[in-house]
Amino acid sequence: MNDKDQKQLAIQHFVEYIQIKTVQPQPDYDKAFEFLKKYAQELDLEYSLITIDEDRQAAILTWLSSSTNEQSIVLNSHIDVVPVFEEYWIVPPFSGEIHDDKIYGRGTQDMKW
């Protein structure tokens, strides 16, 4: 796959993730975890879903190195977003619409990237 195709695929995945309504107080965690699991499989990453307590789970995607000398890095984000006031949006907040090379959607700049 060439660089342009990889970029388009990454954008497509990001838009799909934005379209999952993970807005509080009732985020669709199940659908988000399904998405992350499928994406992990596509990238050949290990996927685990761990239970933190009876109401919370966390998805862990692991990219194993073949080298034992490499240092580890952890990237952490959360899935849920705060409620939206749709009247202040120029596009539906979970649409993932693209205008002027910008992707619009709840969580695009702070949670879901």
PDB file of N, CA and C in Angstrom:
ATOM      1  N   MET A   1       0.858  -1.173   0.000  1.00  0.00           N
ATOM      2  CA  MET A   1       0.000   0.000   0.000  1.00  0.00           C
ATOM      3  C   MET A   1       0.907   1.240   0.000  1.00  0.00           C
ATOM      4  N   ASN A   2       0.635   2.171  -0.892  1.00  0.00           N
ATOM      5  CA  ASN A   2       1.469   3.371  -0.957  1.00  0.00           C
ATOM      6  C   ASN A   2       1.072   4.374   0.138  1.00  0.00           C
ATOM      7  N   ASP A   3       1.879   5.422   0.292  1.00  0.00           N
ATOM      8  CA  ASP A   3       1.663   6.405   1.359  1.00  0.00           C
ATOM      9  C   ASP A   3       0.295   7.088   1.262  1.00  0.00           C
ATOM     10  N   LYS A   4      -0.123   7.409   0.053  1.00  0.00           N
ATOM     11  CA  LYS A   4      -1.418   8.087  -0.134  1.00  0.00           C
ATOM     12  C   LYS A   4      -2.563   7.181   0.318  1.00  0.00           C
ATOM     13  N   ASP A   5      -2.488   5.907  -0.051  1.00  0.00           N
ATOM     14  CA  ASP A   5      -3.523   4.950   0.353  1.00  0.00           C
ATOM     15  C   ASP A   5      -3.528   4.750   1.867  1.00  0.00           C
ATOM     16  N   GLN A   6      -2.334   4.700   2.469  1.00  0.00           N
ATOM     17  CA  GLN A   6      -2.242   4.559   3.925  1.00  0.00           C
ATOM     18  C   GLN A   6      -2.849   5.763   4.627  1.00  0.00           C
ATOM     19  N   LYS A   7      -2.593   6.949   4.099  1.00  0.00           N
ATOM     20  CA  LYS A   7      -3.159   8.178   4.687  1.00  0.00           C
ATOM     21  C   LYS A   7      -4.685   8.156   4.591  1.00  0.00           C
ATOM     22  N   GLN A   8      -5.198   7.780   3.432  1.00  0.00           N
ATOM     23  CA  GLN A   8      -6.650   7.714   3.240  1.00  0.00           C
ATOM     24  C   GLN A   8      -7.290   6.693   4.182  1.00  0.00           C
ATOM     25  N   LEU A   9      -6.636   5.556   4.364  1.00  0.00           N
ATOM     26  CA  LEU A   9      -7.148   4.527   5.260  1.00  0.00           C
ATOM     27  C   LEU A   9      -7.147   5.026   6.709  1.00  0.00           C
ATOM     28  N   ALA A  10      -6.089   5.718   7.108  1.00  0.00           N
ATOM     29  CA  ALA A  10      -6.023   6.277   8.466  1.00  0.00           C
ATOM     30  C   ALA A  10      -7.135   7.289   8.684  1.00  0.00           C
ATOM     31  N   ILE A  11      -7.388   8.127   7.705  1.00  0.00           N
ATOM     32  CA  ILE A  11      -8.471   9.116   7.805  1.00  0.00           C
ATOM     33  C   ILE A  11      -9.818   8.405   7.898  1.00  0.00           C
ATOM     34  N   GLN A  12     -10.009   7.383   7.068  1.00  0.00           N
ATOM     35  CA  GLN A  12     -11.261   6.620   7.092  1.00  0.00           C
ATOM     36  C   GLN A  12     -11.499   6.011   8.471  1.00  0.00           C
ATOM     37  N   HIS A  13     -10.466   5.426   9.062  1.00  0.00           N
ATOM     38  CA  HIS A  13     -10.601   4.839  10.396  1.00  0.00           C
ATOM     39  C   HIS A  13     -10.920   5.910  11.436  1.00  0.00           C
ATOM     40  N   PHE A  14     -10.254   7.042  11.348  1.00  0.00           N
ATOM     41  CA  PHE A  14     -10.497   8.124  12.300  1.00  0.00           C
ATOM     42  C   PHE A  14     -11.946   8.603  12.211  1.00  0.00           C
ATOM     43  N   VAL A  15     -12.454   8.779  11.011  1.00  0.00           N
ATOM     44  CA  VAL A  15     -13.844   9.196  10.817  1.00  0.00           C
ATOM     45  C   VAL A  15     -14.798   8.149  11.394  1.00  0.00           C
ATOM     46  N   GLU A  16     -14.524   6.873  11.166  1.00  0.00           N
ATOM     47  CA  GLU A  16     -15.372   5.804  11.723  1.00  0.00           C
ATOM     48  C   GLU A  16     -15.391   5.882  13.247  1.00  0.00           C
ATOM     49  N   TYR A  17     -14.246   6.146  13.841  1.00  0.00           N
ATOM     50  CA  TYR A  17     -14.145   6.240  15.302  1.00  0.00           C
ATOM     51  C   TYR A  17     -14.922   7.455  15.823  1.00  0.00           C
ATOM     52  N   ILE A  18     -14.817   8.577  15.126  1.00  0.00           N
ATOM     53  CA  ILE A  18     -15.556   9.788  15.519  1.00  0.00           C
ATOM     54  C   ILE A  18     -17.061   9.524  15.482  1.00  0.00           C
ATOM     55  N   GLN A  19     -17.507   8.709  14.552  1.00  0.00           N
ATOM     56  CA  GLN A  19     -18.938   8.457  14.389  1.00  0.00           C
ATOM     57  C   GLN A  19     -19.535   7.593  15.494  1.00  0.00           C
ATOM     58  N   ILE A  20     -18.710   7.010  16.321  1.00  0.00           N
ATOM     59  CA  ILE A  20     -19.213   6.224  17.454  1.00  0.00           C
ATOM     60  C   ILE A  20     -19.585   7.192  18.569  1.00  0.00           C
ATOM     61  N   LYS A  21     -20.834   7.167  18.971  1.00  0.00           N
ATOM     62  CA  LYS A  21     -21.319   8.118  19.979  1.00  0.00           C
ATOM     63  C   LYS A  21     -20.909   7.659  21.376  1.00  0.00           C
ATOM     64  N   THR A  22     -19.814   8.223  21.817  1.00  0.00           N
ATOM     65  CA  THR A  22     -19.309   7.898  23.146  1.00  0.00           C
ATOM     66  C   THR A  22     -19.522   9.069  24.094  1.00  0.00           C
ATOM     67  N   VAL A  23     -20.623   9.766  23.906  1.00  0.00           N
ATOM     68  CA  VAL A  23     -20.917  10.964  24.700  1.00  0.00           C
ATOM     69  C   VAL A  23     -21.494  10.569  26.059  1.00  0.00           C
ATOM     70  N   GLN A  24     -21.023  11.239  27.079  1.00  0.00           N
ATOM     71  CA  GLN A  24     -21.564  11.034  28.425  1.00  0.00           C
ATOM     72  C   GLN A  24     -22.977  11.600  28.492  1.00  0.00           C
ATOM     73  N   PRO A  25     -23.902  11.071  29.228  1.00  0.00           N
ATOM     74  CA  PRO A  25     -23.707  10.093  30.296  1.00  0.00           C
ATOM     75  C   PRO A  25     -23.886   8.634  29.856  1.00  0.00           C
ATOM     76  N   GLN A  26     -24.123   8.381  28.556  1.00  0.00           N
ATOM     77  CA  GLN A  26     -24.310   7.000  28.098  1.00  0.00           C
ATOM     78  C   GLN A  26     -23.426   6.697  26.892  1.00  0.00           C
ATOM     79  N   PRO A  27     -22.118   6.661  27.094  1.00  0.00           N
ATOM     80  CA  PRO A  27     -21.230   6.372  25.964  1.00  0.00           C
ATOM     81  C   PRO A  27     -21.395   4.940  25.467  1.00  0.00           C
ATOM     82  N   ASP A  28     -21.294   4.757  24.180  1.00  0.00           N
ATOM     83  CA  ASP A  28     -21.393   3.426  23.580  1.00  0.00           C
ATOM     84  C   ASP A  28     -20.016   2.761  23.607  1.00  0.00           C
ATOM     85  N   TYR A  29     -19.600   2.361  24.794  1.00  0.00           N
ATOM     86  CA  TYR A  29     -18.288   1.735  24.959  1.00  0.00           C
ATOM     87  C   TYR A  29     -18.181   0.439  24.166  1.00  0.00           C
ATOM     88  N   ASP A  30     -19.248  -0.345  24.136  1.00  0.00           N
ATOM     89  CA  ASP A  30     -19.193  -1.630  23.426  1.00  0.00           C
ATOM     90  C   ASP A  30     -18.812  -1.443  21.961  1.00  0.00           C
ATOM     91  N   LYS A  31     -19.444  -0.479  21.306  1.00  0.00           N
ATOM     92  CA  LYS A  31     -19.146  -0.231  19.897  1.00  0.00           C
ATOM     93  C   LYS A  31     -17.717   0.301  19.727  1.00  0.00           C
ATOM     94  N   ALA A  32     -17.282   1.143  20.660  1.00  0.00           N
ATOM     95  CA  ALA A  32     -15.909   1.661  20.595  1.00  0.00           C
ATOM     96  C   ALA A  32     -14.896   0.533  20.785  1.00  0.00           C
ATOM     97  N   PHE A  33     -15.154  -0.355  21.739  1.00  0.00           N
ATOM     98  CA  PHE A  33     -14.245  -1.482  21.954  1.00  0.00           C
ATOM     99  C   PHE A  33     -14.228  -2.415  20.742  1.00  0.00           C
ATOM    100  N   GLU A  34     -15.374  -2.628  20.113  1.00  0.00           N
ATOM    101  CA  GLU A  34     -15.435  -3.434  18.885  1.00  0.00           C
ATOM    102  C   GLU A  34     -14.556  -2.826  17.803  1.00  0.00           C
ATOM    103  N   PHE A  35     -14.675  -1.500  17.641  1.00  0.00           N
ATOM    104  CA  PHE A  35     -13.868  -0.793  16.643  1.00  0.00           C
ATOM    105  C   PHE A  35     -12.377  -0.970  16.933  1.00  0.00           C
ATOM    106  N   LEU A  36     -11.978  -0.745  18.188  1.00  0.00           N
ATOM    107  CA  LEU A  36     -10.573  -0.844  18.557  1.00  0.00           C
ATOM    108  C   LEU A  36     -10.036  -2.267  18.359  1.00  0.00           C
ATOM    109  N   LYS A  37     -10.858  -3.252  18.670  1.00  0.00           N
ATOM    110  CA  LYS A  37     -10.433  -4.649  18.481  1.00  0.00           C
ATOM    111  C   LYS A  37     -10.215  -4.954  16.997  1.00  0.00           C
ATOM    112  N   LYS A  38     -11.141  -4.527  16.177  1.00  0.00           N
ATOM    113  CA  LYS A  38     -11.027  -4.757  14.736  1.00  0.00           C
ATOM    114  C   LYS A  38      -9.790  -4.040  14.172  1.00  0.00           C
ATOM    115  N   TYR A  39      -9.571  -2.818  14.618  1.00  0.00           N
ATOM    116  CA  TYR A  39      -8.426  -2.046  14.143  1.00  0.00           C
ATOM    117  C   TYR A  39      -7.117  -2.689  14.606  1.00  0.00           C
ATOM    118  N   ALA A  40      -7.095  -3.161  15.838  1.00  0.00           N
ATOM    119  CA  ALA A  40      -5.903  -3.853  16.352  1.00  0.00           C
ATOM    120  C   ALA A  40      -5.591  -5.081  15.495  1.00  0.00           C
ATOM    121  N   GLN A  41      -6.619  -5.843  15.146  1.00  0.00           N
ATOM    122  CA  GLN A  41      -6.420  -7.033  14.307  1.00  0.00           C
ATOM    123  C   GLN A  41      -5.868  -6.635  12.940  1.00  0.00           C
ATOM    124  N   GLU A  42      -6.402  -5.560  12.393  1.00  0.00           N
ATOM    125  CA  GLU A  42      -5.949  -5.087  11.087  1.00  0.00           C
ATOM    126  C   GLU A  42      -4.472  -4.680  11.125  1.00  0.00           C
ATOM    127  N   LEU A  43      -4.036  -4.115  12.250  1.00  0.00           N
ATOM    128  CA  LEU A  43      -2.653  -3.677  12.408  1.00  0.00           C
ATOM    129  C   LEU A  43      -1.749  -4.759  12.992  1.00  0.00           C
ATOM    130  N   ASP A  44      -2.315  -5.934  13.220  1.00  0.00           N
ATOM    131  CA  ASP A  44      -1.592  -7.066  13.804  1.00  0.00           C
ATOM    132  C   ASP A  44      -1.047  -6.725  15.195  1.00  0.00           C
ATOM    133  N   LEU A  45      -1.879  -6.072  16.007  1.00  0.00           N
ATOM    134  CA  LEU A  45      -1.540  -5.734  17.384  1.00  0.00           C
ATOM    135  C   LEU A  45      -2.290  -6.661  18.323  1.00  0.00           C
ATOM    136  N   GLU A  46      -1.707  -6.901  19.485  1.00  0.00           N
ATOM    137  CA  GLU A  46      -2.428  -7.644  20.513  1.00  0.00           C
ATOM    138  C   GLU A  46      -3.520  -6.738  21.072  1.00  0.00           C
ATOM    139  N   TYR A  47      -4.682  -7.320  21.352  1.00  0.00           N
ATOM    140  CA  TYR A  47      -5.804  -6.581  21.922  1.00  0.00           C
ATOM    141  C   TYR A  47      -6.247  -7.281  23.192  1.00  0.00           C
ATOM    142  N   SER A  48      -6.394  -6.510  24.257  1.00  0.00           N
ATOM    143  CA  SER A  48      -6.935  -7.051  25.504  1.00  0.00           C
ATOM    144  C   SER A  48      -7.949  -6.058  26.046  1.00  0.00           C
ATOM    145  N   LEU A  49      -8.971  -6.598  26.641  1.00  0.00           N
ATOM    146  CA  LEU A  49      -9.973  -5.785  27.321  1.00  0.00           C
ATOM    147  C   LEU A  49      -9.911  -6.175  28.792  1.00  0.00           C
ATOM    148  N   ILE A  50      -9.551  -5.213  29.614  1.00  0.00           N
ATOM    149  CA  ILE A  50      -9.424  -5.517  31.033  1.00  0.00           C
ATOM    150  C   ILE A  50     -10.541  -4.824  31.805  1.00  0.00           C
ATOM    151  N   THR A  51     -10.949  -5.439  32.891  1.00  0.00           N
ATOM    152  CA  THR A  51     -11.971  -4.871  33.758  1.00  0.00           C
ATOM    153  C   THR A  51     -11.289  -4.118  34.886  1.00  0.00           C
ATOM    154  N   ILE A  52     -11.649  -2.861  35.030  1.00  0.00           N
ATOM    155  CA  ILE A  52     -11.089  -2.020  36.090  1.00  0.00           C
ATOM    156  C   ILE A  52     -11.945  -2.137  37.342  1.00  0.00           C
ATOM    157  N   ASP A  53     -13.240  -2.007  37.143  1.00  0.00           N
ATOM    158  CA  ASP A  53     -14.213  -2.287  38.197  1.00  0.00           C
ATOM    159  C   ASP A  53     -15.507  -2.685  37.503  1.00  0.00           C
ATOM    160  N   GLU A  54     -16.587  -2.865  38.245  1.00  0.00           N
ATOM    161  CA  GLU A  54     -17.799  -3.412  37.615  1.00  0.00           C
ATOM    162  C   GLU A  54     -18.393  -2.516  36.531  1.00  0.00           C
ATOM    163  N   ASP A  55     -18.056  -1.230  36.523  1.00  0.00           N
ATOM    164  CA  ASP A  55     -18.615  -0.309  35.530  1.00  0.00           C
ATOM    165  C   ASP A  55     -17.608   0.189  34.500  1.00  0.00           C
ATOM    166  N   ARG A  56     -16.348  -0.214  34.632  1.00  0.00           N
ATOM    167  CA  ARG A  56     -15.330   0.339  33.737  1.00  0.00           C
ATOM    168  C   ARG A  56     -14.401  -0.746  33.202  1.00  0.00           C
ATOM    169  N   GLN A  57     -14.095  -0.580  31.907  1.00  0.00           N
ATOM    170  CA  GLN A  57     -13.145  -1.451  31.235  1.00  0.00           C
ATOM    171  C   GLN A  57     -12.148  -0.580  30.475  1.00  0.00           C
ATOM    172  N   ALA A  58     -11.055  -1.171  30.098  1.00  0.00           N
ATOM    173  CA  ALA A  58     -10.050  -0.483  29.298  1.00  0.00           C
ATOM    174  C   ALA A  58      -9.540  -1.418  28.217  1.00  0.00           C
ATOM    175  N   ALA A  59      -9.364  -0.864  27.029  1.00  0.00           N
ATOM    176  CA  ALA A  59      -8.783  -1.622  25.926  1.00  0.00           C
ATOM    177  C   ALA A  59      -7.290  -1.344  25.897  1.00  0.00           C
ATOM    178  N   ILE A  60      -6.512  -2.395  25.719  1.00  0.00           N
ATOM    179  CA  ILE A  60      -5.067  -2.258  25.627  1.00  0.00           C
ATOM    180  C   ILE A  60      -4.625  -2.875  24.306  1.00  0.00           C
ATOM    181  N   LEU A  61      -3.975  -2.067  23.483  1.00  0.00           N
ATOM    182  CA  LEU A  61      -3.432  -2.521  22.215  1.00  0.00           C
ATOM    183  C   LEU A  61      -1.918  -2.540  22.368  1.00  0.00           C
ATOM    184  N   THR A  62      -1.295  -3.668  22.052  1.00  0.00           N
ATOM    185  CA  THR A  62       0.136  -3.830  22.271  1.00  0.00           C
ATOM    186  C   THR A  62       0.836  -4.148  20.959  1.00  0.00           C
ATOM    187  N   TRP A  63       1.895  -3.400  20.708  1.00  0.00           N
ATOM    188  CA  TRP A  63       2.725  -3.621  19.539  1.00  0.00           C
ATOM    189  C   TRP A  63       4.049  -4.148  20.049  1.00  0.00           C
ATOM    190  N   LEU A  64       4.265  -5.434  19.889  1.00  0.00           N
ATOM    191  CA  LEU A  64       5.461  -6.076  20.414  1.00  0.00           C
ATOM    192  C   LEU A  64       6.654  -5.841  19.493  1.00  0.00           C
ATOM    193  N   SER A  65       7.796  -5.630  20.107  1.00  0.00           N
ATOM    194  CA  SER A  65       9.043  -5.446  19.375  1.00  0.00           C
ATOM    195  C   SER A  65       9.787  -6.775  19.313  1.00  0.00           C
ATOM    196  N   SER A  66      10.533  -6.961  18.254  1.00  0.00           N
ATOM    197  CA  SER A  66      11.365  -8.157  18.159  1.00  0.00           C
ATOM    198  C   SER A  66      12.689  -7.955  18.894  1.00  0.00           C
ATOM    199  N   SER A  67      12.937  -6.733  19.323  1.00  0.00           N
ATOM    200  CA  SER A  67      14.178  -6.415  20.029  1.00  0.00           C
ATOM    201  C   SER A  67      13.930  -6.348  21.533  1.00  0.00           C
ATOM    202  N   THR A  68      14.845  -6.905  22.288  1.00  0.00           N
ATOM    203  CA  THR A  68      14.734  -6.817  23.747  1.00  0.00           C
ATOM    204  C   THR A  68      15.423  -5.563  24.276  1.00  0.00           C
ATOM    205  N   ASN A  69      16.072  -4.813  23.404  1.00  0.00           N
ATOM    206  CA  ASN A  69      16.791  -3.603  23.810  1.00  0.00           C
ATOM    207  C   ASN A  69      15.958  -2.334  23.679  1.00  0.00           C
ATOM    208  N   GLU A  70      14.825  -2.431  23.032  1.00  0.00           N
ATOM    209  CA  GLU A  70      13.984  -1.253  22.815  1.00  0.00           C
ATOM    210  C   GLU A  70      13.284  -0.838  24.102  1.00  0.00           C
ATOM    211  N   GLN A  71      13.124   0.472  24.272  1.00  0.00           N
ATOM    212  CA  GLN A  71      12.368   0.968  25.416  1.00  0.00           C
ATOM    213  C   GLN A  71      10.886   0.970  25.058  1.00  0.00           C
ATOM    214  N   SER A  72      10.069   0.909  26.081  1.00  0.00           N
ATOM    215  CA  SER A  72       8.620   0.903  25.889  1.00  0.00           C
ATOM    216  C   SER A  72       8.095   2.333  25.830  1.00  0.00           C
ATOM    217  N   ILE A  73       6.962   2.470  25.182  1.00  0.00           N
ATOM    218  CA  ILE A  73       6.250   3.736  25.162  1.00  0.00           C
ATOM    219  C   ILE A  73       4.779   3.429  25.392  1.00  0.00           C
ATOM    220  N   VAL A  74       4.123   4.265  26.151  1.00  0.00           N
ATOM    221  CA  VAL A  74       2.702   4.092  26.421  1.00  0.00           C
ATOM    222  C   VAL A  74       1.962   5.317  25.894  1.00  0.00           C
ATOM    223  N   LEU A  75       0.948   5.070  25.089  1.00  0.00           N
ATOM    224  CA  LEU A  75       0.055   6.129  24.631  1.00  0.00           C
ATOM    225  C   LEU A  75      -1.284   5.883  25.299  1.00  0.00           C
ATOM    226  N   ASN A  76      -1.837   6.904  25.890  1.00  0.00           N
ATOM    227  CA  ASN A  76      -3.055   6.744  26.677  1.00  0.00           C
ATOM    228  C   ASN A  76      -4.083   7.780  26.237  1.00  0.00           C
ATOM    229  N   SER A  77      -5.301   7.347  26.075  1.00  0.00           N
ATOM    230  CA  SER A  77      -6.395   8.284  25.787  1.00  0.00           C
ATOM    231  C   SER A  77      -7.671   7.704  26.372  1.00  0.00           C
ATOM    232  N   HIS A  78      -8.711   8.490  26.351  1.00  0.00           N
ATOM    233  CA  HIS A  78      -9.987   7.952  26.798  1.00  0.00           C
ATOM    234  C   HIS A  78     -11.005   8.054  25.680  1.00  0.00           C
ATOM    235  N   ILE A  79     -12.013   7.227  25.775  1.00  0.00           N
ATOM    236  CA  ILE A  79     -12.976   7.054  24.699  1.00  0.00           C
ATOM    237  C   ILE A  79     -14.154   8.011  24.808  1.00  0.00           C
ATOM    238  N   ASP A  80     -14.592   8.285  26.030  1.00  0.00           N
ATOM    239  CA  ASP A  80     -15.807   9.079  26.193  1.00  0.00           C
ATOM    240  C   ASP A  80     -15.539  10.566  25.984  1.00  0.00           C
ATOM    241  N   VAL A  81     -16.585  11.258  25.596  1.00  0.00           N
ATOM    242  CA  VAL A  81     -16.528  12.707  25.386  1.00  0.00           C
ATOM    243  C   VAL A  81     -17.638  13.364  26.197  1.00  0.00           C
ATOM    244  N   VAL A  82     -17.454  14.652  26.453  1.00  0.00           N
ATOM    245  CA  VAL A  82     -18.468  15.388  27.203  1.00  0.00           C
ATOM    246  C   VAL A  82     -19.658  15.680  26.294  1.00  0.00           C
ATOM    247  N   PRO A  83     -20.822  15.977  26.887  1.00  0.00           N
ATOM    248  CA  PRO A  83     -22.003  16.262  26.075  1.00  0.00           C
ATOM    249  C   PRO A  83     -21.780  17.429  25.100  1.00  0.00           C
ATOM    250  N   VAL A  84     -22.554  17.404  24.043  1.00  0.00           N
ATOM    251  CA  VAL A  84     -22.439  18.436  23.010  1.00  0.00           C
ATOM    252  C   VAL A  84     -23.711  19.263  22.951  1.00  0.00           C
ATOM    253  N   PHE A  85     -23.562  20.473  22.481  1.00  0.00           N
ATOM    254  CA  PHE A  85     -24.696  21.352  22.205  1.00  0.00           C
ATOM    255  C   PHE A  85     -24.720  21.532  20.692  1.00  0.00           C
ATOM    256  N   GLU A  86     -25.532  20.700  20.049  1.00  0.00           N
ATOM    257  CA  GLU A  86     -25.505  20.618  18.589  1.00  0.00           C
ATOM    258  C   GLU A  86     -25.774  21.940  17.896  1.00  0.00           C
ATOM    259  N   GLU A  87     -26.508  22.835  18.535  1.00  0.00           N
ATOM    260  CA  GLU A  87     -26.827  24.115  17.897  1.00  0.00           C
ATOM    261  C   GLU A  87     -25.583  24.976  17.662  1.00  0.00           C
ATOM    262  N   TYR A  88     -24.488  24.654  18.320  1.00  0.00           N
ATOM    263  CA  TYR A  88     -23.257  25.417  18.150  1.00  0.00           C
ATOM    264  C   TYR A  88     -22.284  24.776  17.161  1.00  0.00           C
ATOM    265  N   TRP A  89     -22.680  23.692  16.587  1.00  0.00           N
ATOM    266  CA  TRP A  89     -21.825  22.996  15.635  1.00  0.00           C
ATOM    267  C   TRP A  89     -22.204  23.359  14.207  1.00  0.00           C
ATOM    268  N   ILE A  90     -21.199  23.428  13.321  1.00  0.00           N
ATOM    269  CA  ILE A  90     -21.496  23.700  11.907  1.00  0.00           C
ATOM    270  C   ILE A  90     -21.803  22.412  11.138  1.00  0.00           C
ATOM    271  N   VAL A  91     -21.475  21.273  11.741  1.00  0.00           N
ATOM    272  CA  VAL A  91     -21.824  19.949  11.196  1.00  0.00           C
ATOM    273  C   VAL A  91     -22.306  19.108  12.371  1.00  0.00           C
ATOM    274  N   PRO A  92     -23.023  18.026  12.139  1.00  0.00           N
ATOM    275  CA  PRO A  92     -23.388  17.148  13.247  1.00  0.00           C
ATOM    276  C   PRO A  92     -22.126  16.669  13.970  1.00  0.00           C
ATOM    277  N   PRO A  93     -22.098  16.735  15.308  1.00  0.00           N
ATOM    278  CA  PRO A  93     -20.871  16.476  16.061  1.00  0.00           C
ATOM    279  C   PRO A  93     -20.307  15.054  15.967  1.00  0.00           C
ATOM    280  N   PHE A  94     -21.074  14.095  15.487  1.00  0.00           N
ATOM    281  CA  PHE A  94     -20.570  12.739  15.341  1.00  0.00           C
ATOM    282  C   PHE A  94     -20.569  12.300  13.873  1.00  0.00           C
ATOM    283  N   SER A  95     -20.465  13.285  12.982  1.00  0.00           N
ATOM    284  CA  SER A  95     -20.494  12.981  11.552  1.00  0.00           C
ATOM    285  C   SER A  95     -19.116  12.651  10.997  1.00  0.00           C
ATOM    286  N   GLY A  96     -18.077  13.264  11.552  1.00  0.00           N
ATOM    287  CA  GLY A  96     -16.746  13.063  10.987  1.00  0.00           C
ATOM    288  C   GLY A  96     -16.612  13.691   9.613  1.00  0.00           C
ATOM    289  N   GLU A  97     -17.398  14.739   9.356  1.00  0.00           N
ATOM    290  CA  GLU A  97     -17.342  15.390   8.044  1.00  0.00           C
ATOM    291  C   GLU A  97     -16.001  16.075   7.838  1.00  0.00           C
ATOM    292  N   ILE A  98     -15.583  16.109   6.590  1.00  0.00           N
ATOM    293  CA  ILE A  98     -14.316  16.733   6.228  1.00  0.00           C
ATOM    294  C   ILE A  98     -14.603  17.952   5.356  1.00  0.00           C
ATOM    295  N   HIS A  99     -14.087  19.105   5.797  1.00  0.00           N
ATOM    296  CA  HIS A  99     -14.215  20.363   5.046  1.00  0.00           C
ATOM    297  C   HIS A  99     -12.874  21.078   5.110  1.00  0.00           C
ATOM    298  N   ASP A 100     -12.394  21.562   3.977  1.00  0.00           N
ATOM    299  CA  ASP A 100     -11.129  22.308   3.928  1.00  0.00           C
ATOM    300  C   ASP A 100      -9.997  21.542   4.611  1.00  0.00           C
ATOM    301  N   ASP A 101      -9.922  20.249   4.355  1.00  0.00           N
ATOM    302  CA  ASP A 101      -8.875  19.380   4.916  1.00  0.00           C
ATOM    303  C   ASP A 101      -8.902  19.295   6.436  1.00  0.00           C
ATOM    304  N   LYS A 102     -10.037  19.573   7.051  1.00  0.00           N
ATOM    305  CA  LYS A 102     -10.204  19.428   8.500  1.00  0.00           C
ATOM    306  C   LYS A 102     -11.313  18.434   8.766  1.00  0.00           C
ATOM    307  N   ILE A 103     -11.091  17.564   9.753  1.00  0.00           N
ATOM    308  CA  ILE A 103     -12.096  16.582  10.140  1.00  0.00           C
ATOM    309  C   ILE A 103     -12.844  17.144  11.341  1.00  0.00           C
ATOM    310  N   TYR A 104     -14.169  17.248  11.219  1.00  0.00           N
ATOM    311  CA  TYR A 104     -14.989  17.804  12.279  1.00  0.00           C
ATOM    312  C   TYR A 104     -15.710  16.689  13.032  1.00  0.00           C
ATOM    313  N   GLY A 105     -15.688  16.762  14.331  1.00  0.00           N
ATOM    314  CA  GLY A 105     -16.411  15.801  15.142  1.00  0.00           C
ATOM    315  C   GLY A 105     -15.996  15.905  16.594  1.00  0.00           C
ATOM    316  N   ARG A 106     -16.888  15.488  17.465  1.00  0.00           N
ATOM    317  CA  ARG A 106     -16.627  15.545  18.914  1.00  0.00           C
ATOM    318  C   ARG A 106     -15.486  14.606  19.263  1.00  0.00           C
ATOM    319  N   GLY A 107     -14.440  15.158  19.846  1.00  0.00           N
ATOM    320  CA  GLY A 107     -13.297  14.375  20.260  1.00  0.00           C
ATOM    321  C   GLY A 107     -12.132  14.388  19.287  1.00  0.00           C
ATOM    322  N   THR A 108     -12.244  15.077  18.155  1.00  0.00           N
ATOM    323  CA  THR A 108     -11.178  15.024  17.160  1.00  0.00           C
ATOM    324  C   THR A 108      -9.888  15.676  17.631  1.00  0.00           C
ATOM    325  N   GLN A 109      -9.964  16.641  18.521  1.00  0.00           N
ATOM    326  CA  GLN A 109      -8.750  17.352  18.923  1.00  0.00           C
ATOM    327  C   GLN A 109      -8.233  16.955  20.295  1.00  0.00           C
ATOM    328  N   ASP A 110      -9.025  16.244  21.066  1.00  0.00           N
ATOM    329  CA  ASP A 110      -8.572  16.024  22.427  1.00  0.00           C
ATOM    330  C   ASP A 110      -8.747  14.611  22.962  1.00  0.00           C
ATOM    331  N   MET A 111      -9.633  13.798  22.444  1.00  0.00           N
ATOM    332  CA  MET A 111      -9.855  12.489  23.030  1.00  0.00           C
ATOM    333  C   MET A 111      -9.619  11.349  22.054  1.00  0.00           C
ATOM    334  N   LYS A 112     -10.185  11.441  20.909  1.00  0.00           N
ATOM    335  CA  LYS A 112     -10.236  10.275  20.015  1.00  0.00           C
ATOM    336  C   LYS A 112      -9.118  10.256  18.974  1.00  0.00           C
ATOM    337  N   TRP A 113      -7.999  10.800  19.263  1.00  0.00           N
ATOM    338  CA  TRP A 113      -6.897  10.747  18.285  1.00  0.00           C
ATOM    339  C   TRP A 113      -5.717  10.015  18.794  1.00  0.00           C
TER     340      TRP A 113
END
